[in-house]
């Protein structure tokens, strides 16, 4: 039988039943964080969870579910100092040292960590072994890529407000950071490249926007605190210093409350489109068909594709939504990419919707 048109998935809340009892808490520094890293940490082909906690300790939950049965997770203690598991704003899984075990890049308000993964979901702080200075910034974004000819990944960290700067938080966005691996037999991130200016970055993404085979670094930035900023695209050529694309390259100034970013090739032309969440309209950008080759000229197609998601889809409130994480996936198995947008008021902002459920755009 053919699949029904627009089959709508139905989700059930099962966290407590599955053994997950966890909360992300904290004051102002933790309003723009949270979430989970989903990865297989023990080789059983089941997704495990590392969940940020803000002022509460981050936690690891190992998947104990039976195939085809109910979801079941078991909390697993980590051999990491408790103080290092607090102030976590997010985490990203990747195999940094190519040993077959997934590692974690852990973002914090304070020193970031690289946790080296080992057998049976074991982890250890590897900042010293990998020569990484975790810094003291308020870190909110991360991305990684393997540059041409490199054995180990290049790491990028996106930072938010520089809390120590005079006049903070207004106009005091922190610079962002790029760590390229040094030559050697193991990961060595002892040299840092500063990506300046920073505009209070909340999400970053390595992306091959022009099908060159060379990933660039795209950043979505929060206009709440920057002055004179916009969205950013960095050219990251192998072996050369990063260079920011500008108006002379065709880059159009877009100023939004940039929070989440996701990419997908929605029209199968080989070029990615980008979903950018914000307070109010979600942006959906595509390369302008009239742009000259090699110029990053984008136009917004969110309205024509029905993807603005600017208000809560249910309820009577007409106030604008607040979008956070965005992700493309085929949620209903019809062969088409859908868009999930996590939403929610920034604690207490009365000018935006207080009841603001997540969106799933099919």
Protein backbone atom coordinates (compact mmCIF):
# COMPACT_ATOMS: atom_id res chain seq x y z
CA UNK A 1 0.00 0.00 0.00
CA UNK A 2 1.27 3.52 -0.68
CA UNK A 3 2.21 5.59 2.33
CA UNK A 4 -0.52 8.04 3.41
CA UNK A 5 0.08 11.61 2.35
CA UNK A 6 1.44 13.76 5.22
CA UNK A 7 1.42 10.97 7.80
CA UNK A 8 1.65 12.88 11.11
CA UNK A 9 3.80 11.33 13.85
CA UNK A 10 2.41 11.26 17.38
CA UNK A 11 4.93 11.72 20.19
CA UNK A 12 4.47 10.53 23.78
CA UNK A 13 6.28 11.95 26.82
CA UNK A 14 8.10 8.99 28.38
CA UNK A 15 11.14 10.48 30.15
CA UNK A 16 10.10 9.55 33.70
CA UNK A 17 8.82 6.12 32.67
CA UNK A 18 12.11 5.51 30.87
CA UNK A 19 14.17 6.34 33.97
CA UNK A 20 15.30 9.86 33.04
CA UNK A 21 14.93 12.31 35.93
CA UNK A 22 16.93 15.39 35.10
CA UNK A 23 16.53 19.16 34.92
CA UNK A 24 18.46 22.05 33.40
CA UNK A 25 18.45 24.96 35.84
CA UNK A 26 20.19 28.23 36.52
CA UNK A 27 20.05 32.03 36.41
CA UNK A 28 20.75 34.40 33.51
CA UNK A 29 23.94 32.66 32.30
CA UNK A 30 21.94 29.52 31.61
CA UNK A 31 18.92 30.98 29.81
CA UNK A 32 20.57 30.20 26.44
CA UNK A 33 21.74 26.62 26.95
CA UNK A 34 20.59 23.10 27.62
CA UNK A 35 19.94 20.04 25.55
CA UNK A 36 21.42 16.59 25.10
CA UNK A 37 24.14 14.84 23.12
CA UNK A 38 22.77 11.63 21.61
CA UNK A 39 25.35 8.99 20.66
CA UNK A 40 26.34 5.34 21.20
CA UNK A 41 28.95 5.23 23.97
CA UNK A 42 29.24 1.44 24.39
CA UNK A 43 28.95 -0.02 20.91
CA UNK A 44 25.53 -1.67 21.38
CA UNK A 45 24.02 0.41 18.56
CA UNK A 46 21.53 2.09 20.90
CA UNK A 47 21.51 5.86 21.46
CA UNK A 48 22.74 6.99 24.87
CA UNK A 49 22.29 10.48 26.36
CA UNK A 50 24.58 13.07 27.91
CA UNK A 51 22.36 15.88 29.21
CA UNK A 52 23.44 19.38 30.25
CA UNK A 53 22.29 20.56 33.67
CA UNK A 54 23.21 24.24 34.01
CA UNK A 55 23.84 24.77 37.71
CA UNK A 56 22.93 21.10 38.26
CA UNK A 57 25.48 18.41 37.30
CA UNK A 58 25.33 17.13 33.74
CA UNK A 59 24.30 13.48 33.57
CA UNK A 60 24.93 10.40 31.43
CA UNK A 61 22.07 7.99 30.76
CA UNK A 62 22.89 4.62 29.17
CA UNK A 63 20.23 3.04 26.96
CA UNK A 64 19.03 -0.27 28.38
CA UNK A 65 15.95 -0.61 26.16
CA UNK A 66 15.00 -3.98 24.72
CA UNK A 67 14.62 -3.99 20.95
CA UNK A 68 10.97 -3.26 20.20
CA UNK A 69 10.20 -2.76 23.89
CA UNK A 70 9.67 0.16 26.20
CA UNK A 71 12.34 2.85 26.49
CA UNK A 72 14.66 2.32 29.44
CA UNK A 73 17.70 4.34 30.53
CA UNK A 74 20.11 3.92 33.43
CA UNK A 75 21.99 6.81 35.05
CA UNK A 76 25.75 6.18 34.91
CA UNK A 77 28.25 7.91 37.19
CA UNK A 78 31.08 9.74 35.45
CA UNK A 79 34.71 9.70 36.59
CA UNK A 80 34.83 13.49 36.28
CA UNK A 81 35.03 16.05 39.08
CA UNK A 82 31.55 17.20 40.09
CA UNK A 83 32.55 20.86 39.74
CA UNK A 84 33.41 20.18 36.09
CA UNK A 85 29.99 18.64 35.47
CA UNK A 86 28.28 21.81 36.66
CA UNK A 87 27.85 24.99 34.60
CA UNK A 88 27.44 22.84 31.46
CA UNK A 89 25.45 24.53 28.67
CA UNK A 90 25.68 21.78 26.06
CA UNK A 91 27.72 18.89 24.63
CA UNK A 92 28.59 17.44 21.23
CA UNK A 93 29.78 13.88 20.46
CA UNK A 94 32.70 13.17 18.11
CA UNK A 95 35.70 10.82 17.93
CA UNK A 96 38.56 13.27 18.38
CA UNK A 97 41.50 10.86 18.56
CA UNK A 98 40.25 8.21 16.09
CA UNK A 99 40.32 5.38 18.64
CA UNK A 100 36.81 4.15 17.84
CA UNK A 101 35.28 5.55 21.05
CA UNK A 102 33.05 8.60 20.98
CA UNK A 103 34.39 11.60 22.88
CA UNK A 104 32.48 14.66 24.06
CA UNK A 105 33.08 18.37 23.61
CA UNK A 106 31.43 19.84 26.71
CA UNK A 107 30.48 23.54 26.67
CA UNK A 108 30.43 25.46 29.93
CA UNK A 109 30.10 28.83 31.55
CA UNK A 110 33.79 28.65 32.40
CA UNK A 111 36.38 26.18 31.17
CA UNK A 112 35.20 23.97 28.31
CA UNK A 113 36.13 20.29 28.42
CA UNK A 114 37.04 17.52 26.04
CA UNK A 115 35.97 14.23 27.60
CA UNK A 116 37.80 11.25 26.14
CA UNK A 117 35.53 8.25 25.72
CA UNK A 118 36.54 4.70 26.58
CA UNK A 119 35.01 1.22 26.94
CA UNK A 120 31.55 0.83 28.45
CA UNK A 121 30.65 4.53 28.40
CA UNK A 122 33.66 5.63 30.48
CA UNK A 123 34.95 9.19 30.16
CA UNK A 124 37.91 11.19 31.43
CA UNK A 125 38.84 14.85 31.20
CA UNK A 126 41.33 15.08 28.30
CA UNK A 127 42.06 18.82 28.21
CA UNK A 128 45.64 18.26 29.35
CA UNK A 129 46.23 15.25 27.08
CA UNK A 130 44.84 17.12 24.09
CA UNK A 131 46.56 20.41 25.07
CA UNK A 132 43.31 22.35 25.07
CA UNK A 133 42.92 25.55 27.08
CA UNK A 134 39.22 25.49 27.93
CA UNK A 135 39.20 29.24 28.63
CA UNK A 136 36.77 31.11 30.87
CA UNK A 137 34.16 32.26 28.38
CA UNK A 138 30.41 31.73 28.37
CA UNK A 139 30.35 29.14 25.58
CA UNK A 140 27.10 28.39 23.77
CA UNK A 141 28.02 26.82 20.41
CA UNK A 142 30.32 24.19 18.93
CA UNK A 143 31.15 22.64 15.58
CA UNK A 144 33.91 20.41 14.22
CA UNK A 145 35.23 19.33 10.84
CA UNK A 146 38.16 17.45 9.33
CA UNK A 147 40.12 19.84 7.15
CA UNK A 148 41.92 18.52 4.10
CA UNK A 149 44.96 16.42 4.99
CA UNK A 150 44.31 16.45 8.74
CA UNK A 151 44.18 13.34 10.91
CA UNK A 152 42.30 15.08 13.73
CA UNK A 153 39.35 17.47 13.64
CA UNK A 154 39.34 21.24 13.72
CA UNK A 155 37.23 22.51 16.63
CA UNK A 156 35.24 25.75 16.77
CA UNK A 157 33.70 27.24 19.90
CA UNK A 158 31.08 29.97 19.84
CA UNK A 159 30.89 32.33 22.82
CA UNK A 160 28.15 34.62 24.08
CA UNK A 161 28.46 37.72 26.31
CA UNK A 162 31.81 38.71 27.80
CA UNK A 163 30.58 39.13 31.37
CA UNK A 164 33.81 40.75 32.55
CA UNK A 165 33.81 43.58 30.00
CA UNK A 166 32.79 47.10 31.11
CA UNK A 167 29.12 47.76 30.37
CA UNK A 168 28.25 44.07 30.12
CA UNK A 169 26.03 42.69 28.68
CA UNK A 170 25.24 45.47 26.19
CA UNK A 171 27.66 45.54 23.28
CA UNK A 172 30.13 43.19 24.99
CA UNK A 173 29.98 40.03 22.89
CA UNK A 174 32.88 37.64 23.35
CA UNK A 175 35.16 36.64 20.45
CA UNK A 176 34.84 33.10 19.11
CA UNK A 177 37.62 30.52 18.87
CA UNK A 178 39.04 28.08 16.33
CA UNK A 179 41.43 25.27 17.31
CA UNK A 180 43.30 23.54 14.51
CA UNK A 181 45.28 20.39 15.35
CA UNK A 182 49.03 20.79 15.51
CA UNK A 183 51.29 18.25 13.70
CA UNK A 184 51.89 15.08 15.68
CA UNK A 185 50.67 11.60 16.44
CA UNK A 186 47.89 12.71 18.77
CA UNK A 187 45.40 15.57 19.10
CA UNK A 188 47.20 18.78 20.04
CA UNK A 189 45.09 21.92 20.32
CA UNK A 190 47.70 24.14 21.92
CA UNK A 191 47.27 26.94 19.37
CA UNK A 192 44.08 28.99 19.18
CA UNK A 193 42.87 31.31 16.44
CA UNK A 194 40.54 34.08 17.58
CA UNK A 195 37.55 34.76 15.36
CA UNK A 196 36.83 38.44 15.84
CA UNK A 197 34.47 40.20 15.94
CA UNK A 198 32.14 37.98 17.89
CA UNK A 199 28.46 38.92 17.93
CA UNK A 200 27.04 36.83 20.79
CA UNK A 201 26.96 33.57 18.88
CA UNK A 202 24.41 30.94 19.85
CA UNK A 203 24.89 28.31 17.10
CA UNK A 204 27.61 27.49 14.58
CA UNK A 205 27.89 25.08 11.69
CA UNK A 206 30.65 23.95 9.35
CA UNK A 207 29.08 23.87 5.91
CA UNK A 208 30.13 23.42 2.29
CA UNK A 209 27.85 26.21 1.09
CA UNK A 210 29.32 26.46 -2.44
CA UNK A 211 30.13 22.78 -3.25
CA UNK A 212 33.85 23.56 -3.17
CA UNK A 213 34.64 20.66 -0.87
CA UNK A 214 36.04 23.14 1.68
CA UNK A 215 33.82 23.72 4.72
CA UNK A 216 33.12 27.28 5.79
CA UNK A 217 31.94 28.25 9.27
CA UNK A 218 28.49 29.78 9.57
CA UNK A 219 27.38 31.55 12.76
CA UNK A 220 23.98 32.69 13.92
CA UNK A 221 24.13 35.57 16.40
CA UNK A 222 21.84 37.13 19.00
CA UNK A 223 21.07 40.78 18.31
CA UNK A 224 19.83 41.20 21.90
CA UNK A 225 23.32 42.19 23.04
CA UNK A 226 25.50 42.99 20.02
CA UNK A 227 25.99 46.42 18.51
CA UNK A 228 26.39 46.73 14.76
CA UNK A 229 26.54 42.98 14.22
CA UNK A 230 24.83 40.50 11.94
CA UNK A 231 24.95 36.86 10.89
CA UNK A 232 28.43 35.65 9.89
CA UNK A 233 30.12 33.31 7.41
CA UNK A 234 33.84 32.59 7.78
CA UNK A 235 35.99 31.28 4.96
CA UNK A 236 38.20 28.51 6.39
CA UNK A 237 40.74 27.56 3.74
CA UNK A 238 43.20 24.79 4.73
CA UNK A 239 46.47 26.17 6.04
CA UNK A 240 45.33 29.78 5.83
CA UNK A 241 43.93 32.24 8.39
CA UNK A 242 40.13 32.43 8.53
CA UNK A 243 38.53 35.31 6.63
CA UNK A 244 35.08 36.78 7.22
CA UNK A 245 32.84 37.13 4.16
CA UNK A 246 31.62 40.72 3.77
CA UNK A 247 29.30 42.81 1.67
CA UNK A 248 31.95 43.04 -1.06
CA UNK A 249 31.69 39.25 -1.39
CA UNK A 250 27.91 39.43 -1.68
CA UNK A 251 27.11 38.63 1.95
CA UNK A 252 23.86 40.35 2.88
CA UNK A 253 23.46 41.83 6.35
CA UNK A 254 20.84 39.95 8.38
CA UNK A 255 20.22 40.96 11.99
CA UNK A 256 18.05 38.58 14.02
CA UNK A 257 17.88 37.06 17.48
CA UNK A 258 19.83 34.17 15.99
CA UNK A 259 19.52 31.09 18.17
CA UNK A 260 19.54 27.80 16.25
CA UNK A 261 20.87 26.78 12.85
CA UNK A 262 20.32 23.71 10.70
CA UNK A 263 21.11 22.84 7.09
CA UNK A 264 19.58 20.57 4.48
CA UNK A 265 19.44 20.38 0.71
CA UNK A 266 15.69 20.83 0.31
CA UNK A 267 15.51 20.99 -3.48
CA UNK A 268 18.24 18.46 -4.36
CA UNK A 269 20.39 20.97 -6.24
CA UNK A 270 23.50 20.14 -4.22
CA UNK A 271 23.48 23.41 -2.28
CA UNK A 272 22.29 23.53 1.33
CA UNK A 273 19.45 25.63 2.65
CA UNK A 274 19.67 27.01 6.20
CA UNK A 275 17.00 27.31 8.90
CA UNK A 276 17.77 30.09 11.38
CA UNK A 277 15.57 30.32 14.46
CA UNK A 278 14.87 33.63 16.14
CA UNK A 279 12.37 35.47 18.30
CA UNK A 280 9.56 35.87 15.82
CA UNK A 281 10.03 34.60 12.28
CA UNK A 282 12.21 31.62 11.51
CA UNK A 283 14.41 32.31 8.50
CA UNK A 284 14.91 29.76 5.73
CA UNK A 285 17.70 30.85 3.43
CA UNK A 286 18.68 29.60 -0.01
CA UNK A 287 21.33 30.76 -2.46
CA UNK A 288 19.91 33.42 -4.76
CA UNK A 289 19.65 31.90 -8.24
CA UNK A 290 20.69 35.24 -9.72
CA UNK A 291 23.91 35.40 -7.69
CA UNK A 292 27.24 35.09 -9.47
CA UNK A 293 29.17 31.87 -8.91
CA UNK A 294 31.20 31.85 -5.71
CA UNK A 295 29.25 34.64 -4.02
CA UNK A 296 27.29 33.83 -0.83
CA UNK A 297 24.15 35.78 -1.73
CA UNK A 298 21.13 34.39 0.12
CA UNK A 299 17.41 35.13 0.07
CA UNK A 300 14.74 34.11 2.55
CA UNK A 301 12.12 31.55 1.45
CA UNK A 302 10.52 30.84 4.84
CA UNK A 303 7.20 32.48 3.93
CA UNK A 304 6.85 30.82 0.55
CA UNK A 305 7.70 27.42 2.08
CA UNK A 306 5.38 27.85 5.08
CA UNK A 307 8.24 27.74 7.58
CA UNK A 308 8.06 31.08 9.42
CA UNK A 309 6.67 29.46 12.61
CA UNK A 310 6.35 32.97 14.03
CA UNK A 311 3.50 32.29 16.49
CA UNK A 312 2.38 29.41 18.67
CA UNK A 313 0.46 26.99 16.45
CA UNK A 314 -2.19 26.43 19.14
CA UNK A 315 -3.86 28.62 21.73
CA UNK A 316 -5.24 32.14 21.45
CA UNK A 317 -2.10 34.19 22.06
CA UNK A 318 -0.89 36.28 19.13
CA UNK A 319 2.50 37.19 20.58
CA UNK A 320 5.62 36.07 18.67
CA UNK A 321 7.31 32.77 19.33
CA UNK A 322 10.84 32.16 20.59
CA UNK A 323 12.70 29.57 18.52
CA UNK A 324 15.73 27.66 19.82
CA UNK A 325 17.22 24.47 18.40
CA UNK A 326 16.37 23.55 14.79
CA UNK A 327 16.93 20.23 13.05
CA UNK A 328 16.02 18.69 9.71
CA UNK A 329 15.07 15.01 9.52
CA UNK A 330 12.49 12.75 7.92
CA UNK A 331 10.21 12.39 10.94
CA UNK A 332 7.34 10.57 9.21
CA UNK A 333 9.33 8.31 6.83
CA UNK A 334 7.86 9.74 3.63
CA UNK A 335 11.24 10.43 2.03
CA UNK A 336 11.00 14.20 2.58
CA UNK A 337 12.92 16.31 5.05
CA UNK A 338 10.91 17.88 7.86
CA UNK A 339 11.92 20.65 10.28
CA UNK A 340 11.74 20.46 14.08
CA UNK A 341 11.99 23.70 16.07
CA UNK A 342 12.34 23.69 19.85
CA UNK A 343 10.56 26.66 21.40
CA UNK A 344 9.95 28.37 24.72
CA UNK A 345 9.93 31.78 26.39
CA UNK A 346 13.23 33.08 27.77
CA UNK A 347 11.96 32.63 31.35
CA UNK A 348 9.84 35.79 31.64
CA UNK A 349 9.64 37.99 28.54
CA UNK A 350 6.06 39.30 28.50
CA UNK A 351 6.28 40.65 24.94
CA UNK A 352 6.70 37.09 23.63
CA UNK A 353 4.40 34.09 23.90
CA UNK A 354 4.48 32.40 27.30
CA UNK A 355 2.75 29.27 25.98
CA UNK A 356 5.02 28.38 23.06
CA UNK A 357 5.06 24.66 22.19
CA UNK A 358 7.64 23.13 19.86
CA UNK A 359 7.00 23.01 16.10
CA UNK A 360 7.24 20.09 13.70
CA UNK A 361 6.96 21.32 10.11
CA UNK A 362 6.32 18.47 7.68
